[in-house]
Amino acid sequence: MKELLNRDLMNVQTRDPRDFLERAKATEGAVLLTNSEPDFGISDGVRIHLSKSIEHGKTHYVSAEGDYFVRKAIVDYETRVTGAVFSTDEVIVTAGASQGLYLAFQAILNPGDEVIIPMPAVSLYEADVRLAGGVPVFLDTSGDGFQIDAAKLNALVTEKTKAILINTPNNPTGVVYTEDSVRAVADAVRGKPIFVLCDDAYCHVYFGGNIAPAFHTRFPELRDQTLVIKSLSNSNALPGFRIGYLFGAEEVIAPMKTLHRSMMTSMVSLFQDPIVETCHTGIAGMMEAYKGRRDYVYERLDGMGIPYVHAEGTFYIFADIRGLGLGAEEFCDRLLEEAKVAVMPGTYFGIEGYIRLSTAAPLSQLKMAMGRMDSFVAGLKQ
């Protein structure tokens, strides 16, 4: 019966890290620097609002695109923090950024449409594009400091290009796109029927201020072509709550709601009030901790002689192991088996020779992991 399944589903072959992650979790005594979820607990404000939702019986259906007061809180938040101006009719509350991305691709892509994806990137993008019948087109940024080169981008734009996806701050590199990078994207789509999909899931996890510079605020004249996907899950240490939202021009968002309602009869009613709370809660304390952890890992990597990409955002560090004589997957396999430390191979993000370390782990675990990794790397150099 397998041959009767959806062809797009059966043709999806992504760089799936689940086997490695399961093996890491099953390794007794292993320190996991693979997590994409912060170790912090939920805030008192979120806890109070969640309790009140239960107490007040908020266990019934709500609008699939989120209650009006939730969408209003998001609109007010965006206006206050980013200066973006849009209406409650132009926002859809989603089950995390992941569902927002899937919704966007399903809504805009027709069979054969191309989506340009700067690499390295999470494998989710490629899977979502293929599941929507689209064709991923990869832009290698590794030779350009993980920034977007205008000439290389323009060389990939064809009459089949439907969208360019940008993720800044970037997972896995931690890079924040420069003015030149985002302008290259803006110039590539200006006057063309091409969307810009902004995965801004880590916009709040930014070391340069409260929020990372955003494409949609830099180029408001491209508003009709821009779709922004955000997350309040990871940034606010609420990964299991699956809180995200998507916004764009009403003429694009309105038909997307029909698709969204087929996916989600209702958003989770208990989480509507906590969403409002997160719109009024900063993460300065978390960012201070992330910076301390990041700088500690930098110091230890410097001591090992391992270069790394300077992370301006996210809680990831992308380290260059090309000088150690092992491919990324072999390095990670041996590091797990011999030193009981789990980090992600860059190959899962479409690039060889790098590893991704997560500083979402407590400092005590980072210290243990870096000590073990130091000994492992020293052994490789003997």
Protein backbone atom coordinates (compact mmCIF):
# COMPACT_ATOMS: atom_id res chain seq x y z
CA MET A 1 0.00 0.00 0.00
CA LYS A 2 3.01 2.28 0.33
CA GLU A 3 2.81 3.18 -3.36
CA LEU A 4 -0.62 4.73 -2.75
CA LEU A 5 0.75 7.39 -0.40
CA ASN A 6 1.34 11.01 -1.34
CA ARG A 7 4.31 11.18 -3.72
CA ASP A 8 5.67 14.36 -2.14
CA LEU A 9 5.67 12.67 1.26
CA MET A 10 7.46 9.57 -0.03
CA ASN A 11 10.07 11.65 -1.87
CA VAL A 12 11.13 13.66 1.18
CA GLN A 13 14.62 12.61 2.24
CA THR A 14 15.91 15.08 4.78
CA ARG A 15 18.94 15.28 7.02
CA ASP A 16 17.09 13.83 9.99
CA PRO A 17 19.03 13.98 13.29
CA ARG A 18 16.56 11.91 15.29
CA ASP A 19 18.57 8.67 15.30
CA PHE A 20 21.65 10.49 16.57
CA LEU A 21 19.64 12.38 19.19
CA GLU A 22 17.99 9.18 20.44
CA ARG A 23 21.39 7.49 20.68
CA ALA A 24 22.73 10.48 22.60
CA LYS A 25 19.84 10.39 25.06
CA ALA A 26 20.35 6.66 25.56
CA THR A 27 24.07 7.08 26.33
CA GLU A 28 24.43 6.83 30.08
CA GLY A 29 26.18 9.82 31.61
CA ALA A 30 26.28 11.82 28.38
CA VAL A 31 26.14 15.61 28.51
CA LEU A 32 23.73 16.81 25.84
CA LEU A 33 24.68 20.03 24.07
CA THR A 34 22.17 19.24 21.35
CA ASN A 35 19.04 20.74 22.93
CA SER A 36 17.09 23.49 21.20
CA GLU A 37 15.13 24.32 24.32
CA PRO A 38 16.28 26.50 27.22
CA ASP A 39 16.81 24.99 30.64
CA PHE A 40 14.96 27.85 32.35
CA GLY A 41 11.55 27.24 33.91
CA ILE A 42 8.41 29.17 33.04
CA SER A 43 8.05 32.65 34.53
CA ASP A 44 5.82 33.38 37.49
CA GLY A 45 3.61 35.51 35.24
CA VAL A 46 3.01 32.68 32.78
CA ARG A 47 2.37 30.25 35.63
CA ILE A 48 -0.22 32.60 37.17
CA HIS A 49 -1.99 33.16 33.85
CA LEU A 50 -2.05 29.44 33.14
CA SER A 51 -3.57 28.74 36.57
CA LYS A 52 -6.18 31.44 36.03
CA SER A 53 -7.10 29.99 32.65
CA ILE A 54 -7.78 26.64 34.29
CA GLU A 55 -9.63 28.27 37.19
CA HIS A 56 -11.82 30.27 34.83
CA GLY A 57 -12.67 27.24 32.73
CA LYS A 58 -10.87 28.30 29.56
CA THR A 59 -10.92 24.79 28.16
CA HIS A 60 -13.22 25.30 25.20
CA TYR A 61 -12.67 26.07 21.54
CA VAL A 62 -11.20 29.41 20.55
CA SER A 63 -10.65 30.86 17.11
CA ALA A 64 -8.24 28.84 15.00
CA GLU A 65 -6.21 31.98 14.31
CA GLY A 66 -6.17 32.86 18.03
CA ASP A 67 -8.53 34.91 20.17
CA TYR A 68 -8.93 38.54 19.17
CA PHE A 69 -7.40 39.81 22.42
CA VAL A 70 -4.33 37.61 21.80
CA ARG A 71 -3.89 38.89 18.25
CA LYS A 72 -4.37 42.43 19.54
CA ALA A 73 -1.62 41.87 22.12
CA ILE A 74 0.70 40.62 19.37
CA VAL A 75 -0.10 43.60 17.14
CA ASP A 76 0.50 46.04 20.01
CA TYR A 77 3.74 44.24 20.89
CA GLU A 78 5.08 44.40 17.34
CA THR A 79 4.20 48.09 17.04
CA ARG A 80 5.82 48.88 20.37
CA VAL A 81 8.99 46.81 19.94
CA THR A 82 9.65 46.67 16.18
CA GLY A 83 7.58 49.55 14.81
CA ALA A 84 5.74 47.16 12.47
CA VAL A 85 2.17 48.26 11.80
CA PHE A 86 -0.46 45.67 10.90
CA SER A 87 -3.96 44.74 11.96
CA THR A 88 -5.39 41.85 13.95
CA ASP A 89 -6.77 40.48 10.65
CA GLU A 90 -3.20 40.13 9.39
CA VAL A 91 -1.93 37.78 12.12
CA ILE A 92 -2.42 34.06 12.69
CA VAL A 93 -1.44 32.45 15.98
CA THR A 94 0.31 29.16 15.22
CA ALA A 95 1.49 26.07 17.07
CA GLY A 96 5.04 27.34 17.20
CA ALA A 97 7.16 28.73 14.37
CA SER A 98 7.39 25.27 12.81
CA GLN A 99 3.67 25.15 12.06
CA GLY A 100 3.81 28.72 10.83
CA LEU A 101 6.51 27.78 8.31
CA TYR A 102 4.60 24.72 7.14
CA LEU A 103 1.44 26.81 6.75
CA ALA A 104 3.28 29.45 4.74
CA PHE A 105 4.87 26.97 2.33
CA GLN A 106 1.61 25.10 1.81
CA ALA A 107 -0.16 28.37 1.09
CA ILE A 108 2.26 29.96 -1.38
CA LEU A 109 3.78 27.04 -3.30
CA ASN A 110 2.50 25.33 -6.41
CA PRO A 111 4.18 22.21 -7.85
CA GLY A 112 7.59 23.10 -9.25
CA ASP A 113 7.91 26.46 -7.50
CA GLU A 114 11.42 27.12 -6.20
CA VAL A 115 12.44 28.37 -2.77
CA ILE A 116 15.95 29.70 -2.20
CA ILE A 117 17.33 28.60 1.17
CA PRO A 118 20.64 30.03 2.47
CA MET A 119 22.76 27.23 3.90
CA PRO A 120 23.51 26.00 6.50
CA ALA A 121 19.93 25.69 7.68
CA VAL A 122 17.65 23.37 9.62
CA SER A 123 16.39 20.43 7.55
CA LEU A 124 12.79 21.42 8.35
CA TYR A 125 12.88 23.99 5.54
CA GLU A 126 13.76 21.48 2.85
CA ALA A 127 11.13 19.03 4.10
CA ASP A 128 8.39 21.66 4.20
CA VAL A 129 9.20 22.87 0.69
CA ARG A 130 9.14 19.36 -0.75
CA LEU A 131 5.93 18.46 1.08
CA ALA A 132 4.30 21.46 -0.57
CA GLY A 133 5.44 20.24 -3.99
CA GLY A 134 8.18 22.87 -4.21
CA VAL A 135 11.85 22.63 -5.11
CA PRO A 136 14.48 23.78 -2.60
CA VAL A 137 17.40 25.71 -4.11
CA PHE A 138 20.39 25.98 -1.80
CA LEU A 139 22.60 29.06 -1.43
CA ASP A 140 25.95 28.21 0.16
CA THR A 141 26.97 31.03 2.50
CA SER A 142 29.98 29.30 4.08
CA GLY A 143 32.49 31.16 1.90
CA ASP A 144 30.97 34.56 2.72
CA GLY A 145 31.09 34.56 6.50
CA PHE A 146 27.62 32.96 6.49
CA GLN A 147 26.20 36.17 5.04
CA ILE A 148 24.24 36.46 1.78
CA ASP A 149 26.24 37.45 -1.28
CA ALA A 150 24.12 39.44 -3.75
CA ALA A 151 25.73 38.04 -6.90
CA LYS A 152 25.40 34.43 -5.73
CA LEU A 153 21.79 35.00 -4.72
CA ASN A 154 20.85 36.65 -8.01
CA ALA A 155 22.41 33.77 -9.94
CA LEU A 156 19.86 31.43 -8.32
CA VAL A 157 16.77 33.54 -9.02
CA THR A 158 14.75 32.18 -11.95
CA GLU A 159 11.23 32.58 -13.30
CA LYS A 160 10.31 29.62 -11.07
CA THR A 161 11.48 31.31 -7.87
CA LYS A 162 8.50 31.79 -5.55
CA ALA A 163 10.25 32.65 -2.29
CA ILE A 164 13.52 33.40 -0.54
CA LEU A 165 13.74 32.23 3.06
CA ILE A 166 15.87 34.08 5.60
CA ASN A 167 16.55 33.05 9.18
CA THR A 168 18.21 35.71 11.33
CA PRO A 169 19.51 35.29 13.99
CA ASN A 170 20.48 32.08 12.28
CA ASN A 171 20.24 28.49 13.43
CA PRO A 172 22.86 26.94 13.46
CA THR A 173 25.47 29.72 13.07
CA GLY A 174 24.17 32.40 15.44
CA VAL A 175 24.88 34.96 12.72
CA VAL A 176 22.69 38.05 12.35
CA TYR A 177 22.38 39.15 8.74
CA THR A 178 24.06 42.44 7.89
CA GLU A 179 22.45 45.33 6.05
CA ASP A 180 24.18 44.14 2.87
CA SER A 181 22.73 40.64 3.25
CA VAL A 182 19.13 41.70 3.74
CA ARG A 183 19.41 44.39 1.07
CA ALA A 184 20.59 41.69 -1.36
CA VAL A 185 17.35 39.82 -0.63
CA ALA A 186 15.23 42.96 -0.97
CA ASP A 187 16.82 43.87 -4.30
CA ALA A 188 16.40 40.30 -5.58
CA VAL A 189 12.61 40.33 -5.03
CA ARG A 190 11.77 43.97 -5.70
CA GLY A 191 9.37 44.22 -8.65
CA LYS A 192 9.13 40.43 -8.95
CA PRO A 193 6.39 37.97 -7.85
CA ILE A 194 8.60 36.54 -5.11
CA PHE A 195 7.88 36.26 -1.39
CA VAL A 196 10.37 36.77 1.41
CA LEU A 197 9.74 34.31 4.25
CA CYS A 198 11.32 35.54 7.47
CA ASP A 199 11.92 32.88 10.09
CA ASP A 200 12.43 35.21 13.05
CA ALA A 201 12.09 32.50 15.69
CA TYR A 202 15.22 33.69 17.49
CA CYS A 203 14.74 37.44 17.06
CA HIS A 204 14.48 37.93 20.84
CA VAL A 205 17.59 35.86 21.57
CA TYR A 206 19.90 38.66 20.46
CA PHE A 207 23.06 39.92 22.16
CA GLY A 208 22.93 43.37 20.57
CA GLY A 209 19.74 44.60 22.22
CA ASN A 210 16.14 43.67 22.95
CA ILE A 211 15.39 42.37 19.45
CA ALA A 212 17.40 41.65 16.32
CA PRO A 213 17.02 43.94 13.27
CA ALA A 214 14.17 42.64 11.11
CA PHE A 215 13.70 42.50 7.34
CA HIS A 216 10.09 43.65 7.48
CA THR A 217 10.96 46.83 9.38
CA ARG A 218 13.94 47.63 7.15
CA PHE A 219 11.93 47.28 3.94
CA PRO A 220 8.31 48.25 4.64
CA GLU A 221 7.79 48.93 0.92
CA LEU A 222 7.96 45.13 0.40
CA ARG A 223 5.20 44.50 2.93
CA ASP A 224 2.91 42.78 0.42
CA GLN A 225 5.66 40.27 -0.41
CA THR A 226 6.81 39.57 3.13
CA LEU A 227 5.63 36.87 5.52
CA VAL A 228 7.06 36.88 9.04
CA ILE A 229 7.06 33.81 11.28
CA LYS A 230 7.92 34.21 14.95
CA SER A 231 8.09 32.07 18.06
CA LEU A 232 7.45 32.82 21.71
CA SER A 233 8.23 29.21 22.66
CA ASN A 234 12.01 28.82 22.75
CA SER A 235 12.81 32.46 23.41
CA ASN A 236 10.61 32.52 26.51
CA ALA A 237 11.54 29.01 27.70
CA LEU A 238 8.11 27.65 26.75
CA PRO A 239 9.02 25.09 24.07
CA GLY A 240 6.26 22.68 25.03
CA PHE A 241 3.63 25.40 24.83
CA ARG A 242 4.16 25.66 21.03
CA ILE A 243 3.42 29.37 20.80
CA GLY A 244 4.12 31.17 17.55
CA TYR A 245 2.53 33.53 15.08
CA LEU A 246 2.63 34.53 11.44
CA PHE A 247 1.79 37.87 9.90
CA GLY A 248 1.71 39.56 6.51
CA ALA A 249 -0.52 41.51 4.16
CA GLU A 250 -4.24 40.80 4.59
CA GLU A 251 -4.74 39.72 0.96
CA VAL A 252 -2.22 36.92 1.60
CA ILE A 253 -3.20 36.11 5.19
CA ALA A 254 -6.98 35.90 4.52
CA PRO A 255 -6.83 32.80 2.26
CA MET A 256 -4.17 31.28 4.51
CA LYS A 257 -6.72 31.26 7.33
CA THR A 258 -8.82 28.75 5.40
CA LEU A 259 -5.86 26.39 5.24
CA HIS A 260 -4.95 27.05 8.86
CA ARG A 261 -8.48 26.21 10.02
CA SER A 262 -8.18 22.84 8.31
CA MET A 263 -5.03 22.19 10.31
CA MET A 264 -6.16 23.66 13.62
CA THR A 265 -9.85 23.67 14.56
CA SER A 266 -8.85 25.66 17.62
CA MET A 267 -5.69 26.97 19.19
CA VAL A 268 -4.97 25.67 22.69
CA SER A 269 -7.34 27.74 24.81
CA LEU A 270 -5.32 27.41 28.02
CA PHE A 271 -2.35 29.11 26.38
CA GLN A 272 -4.14 32.22 25.13
CA ASP A 273 -3.59 34.23 28.33
CA PRO A 274 0.06 33.09 28.68
CA ILE A 275 0.66 34.34 25.13
CA VAL A 276 -0.44 37.80 26.20
CA GLU A 277 1.83 37.57 29.23
CA THR A 278 4.88 36.70 27.10
CA CYS A 279 4.23 39.79 24.98
CA HIS A 280 4.90 41.86 28.11
CA THR A 281 7.79 39.84 29.53
CA GLY A 282 11.42 40.41 28.60
CA ILE A 283 14.16 37.79 28.69
CA ALA A 284 17.06 39.99 29.82
CA GLY A 285 17.97 37.56 32.59
CA MET A 286 18.14 34.66 30.17
CA MET A 287 20.24 36.68 27.73
CA GLU A 288 22.73 37.53 30.46
CA ALA A 289 23.06 33.83 31.23
CA TYR A 290 23.40 32.93 27.54
CA LYS A 291 26.15 35.51 27.09
CA GLY A 292 28.07 34.14 30.05
CA ARG A 293 27.72 30.60 28.74
CA ARG A 294 28.64 31.64 25.19
CA ASP A 295 31.78 33.46 26.35
CA TYR A 296 32.79 30.49 28.51
CA VAL A 297 32.52 28.09 25.56
CA TYR A 298 34.45 30.55 23.39
CA GLU A 299 37.26 30.56 25.94
CA ARG A 300 37.40 26.78 26.04
CA LEU A 301 37.30 26.43 22.25
CA ASP A 302 40.11 28.99 21.99
CA GLY A 303 42.13 26.80 24.34
CA MET A 304 41.50 23.78 22.10
CA GLY A 305 42.49 25.73 18.98
CA ILE A 306 39.03 25.29 17.44
CA PRO A 307 37.72 28.30 15.45
CA TYR A 308 34.06 29.27 15.66
CA VAL A 309 31.54 31.63 14.14
CA HIS A 310 30.87 34.66 16.34
CA ALA A 311 27.28 34.30 17.50
CA GLU A 312 25.31 37.55 17.65
CA GLY A 313 22.11 35.73 18.53
CA THR A 314 20.51 32.36 19.40
CA PHE A 315 21.94 29.98 21.99
CA TYR A 316 24.07 28.09 19.45
CA ILE A 317 27.78 28.09 18.68
CA PHE A 318 28.97 26.83 15.30
CA ALA A 319 32.51 25.51 15.59
CA ASP A 320 34.93 24.70 12.76
CA ILE A 321 36.55 21.26 13.22
CA ARG A 322 38.04 20.95 9.74
CA GLY A 323 41.53 21.09 11.20
CA LEU A 324 41.04 17.99 13.36
CA GLY A 325 41.11 15.39 10.58
CA LEU A 326 37.61 14.01 11.07
CA GLY A 327 34.34 14.59 9.26
CA ALA A 328 31.58 16.14 11.34
CA GLU A 329 29.56 12.96 11.83
CA GLU A 330 32.60 10.85 12.72
CA PHE A 331 33.74 13.55 15.15
CA CYS A 332 30.33 13.66 16.83
CA ASP A 333 30.00 9.87 16.94
CA ARG A 334 33.41 9.48 18.56
CA LEU A 335 32.88 12.42 20.92
CA LEU A 336 29.69 10.76 22.13
CA GLU A 337 31.16 7.27 22.42
CA GLU A 338 34.55 8.18 23.88
CA ALA A 339 33.86 11.37 25.86
CA LYS A 340 30.10 11.14 26.46
CA VAL A 341 29.39 14.57 25.01
CA ALA A 342 26.69 15.09 22.38
CA VAL A 343 26.90 17.93 19.85
CA MET A 344 25.25 18.20 16.44
CA PRO A 345 27.15 17.50 13.20
CA GLY A 346 27.01 20.34 10.71
CA THR A 347 25.93 17.85 8.05
CA TYR A 348 22.45 17.90 9.57
CA PHE A 349 22.38 21.55 8.55
CA GLY A 350 23.80 20.87 5.10
CA ILE A 351 27.48 21.65 5.70
CA GLU A 352 30.53 19.50 6.43
CA GLY A 353 33.36 20.37 8.79
CA TYR A 354 31.36 22.10 11.52
CA ILE A 355 29.57 21.16 14.73
CA ARG A 356 26.78 22.97 16.59
CA LEU A 357 26.91 23.31 20.37
CA SER A 358 23.90 24.52 22.33
CA THR A 359 24.31 26.80 25.33
CA ALA A 360 20.73 26.10 26.39
CA ALA A 361 22.31 23.70 28.89
CA PRO A 362 23.24 24.91 32.40
CA LEU A 363 26.77 26.28 32.92
CA SER A 364 27.66 23.32 35.13
CA GLN A 365 26.93 20.93 32.26
CA LEU A 366 28.82 23.13 29.81
CA LYS A 367 31.87 23.04 32.07
CA MET A 368 31.70 19.26 32.30
CA ALA A 369 31.22 18.92 28.55
CA MET A 370 34.05 21.30 27.64
CA GLY A 371 36.43 19.51 29.97
CA ARG A 372 35.63 16.19 28.34
CA MET A 373 35.82 17.67 24.85
CA ASP A 374 39.20 19.25 25.62
CA SER A 375 40.63 15.85 26.54
CA PHE A 376 39.09 14.25 23.45
CA VAL A 377 40.52 16.90 21.10
CA ALA A 378 43.93 16.64 22.75
CA GLY A 379 43.84 12.91 22.02
CA LEU A 380 43.10 13.55 18.37
CA LYS A 381 46.12 15.82 18.08
CA GLN A 382 48.57 13.28 19.50
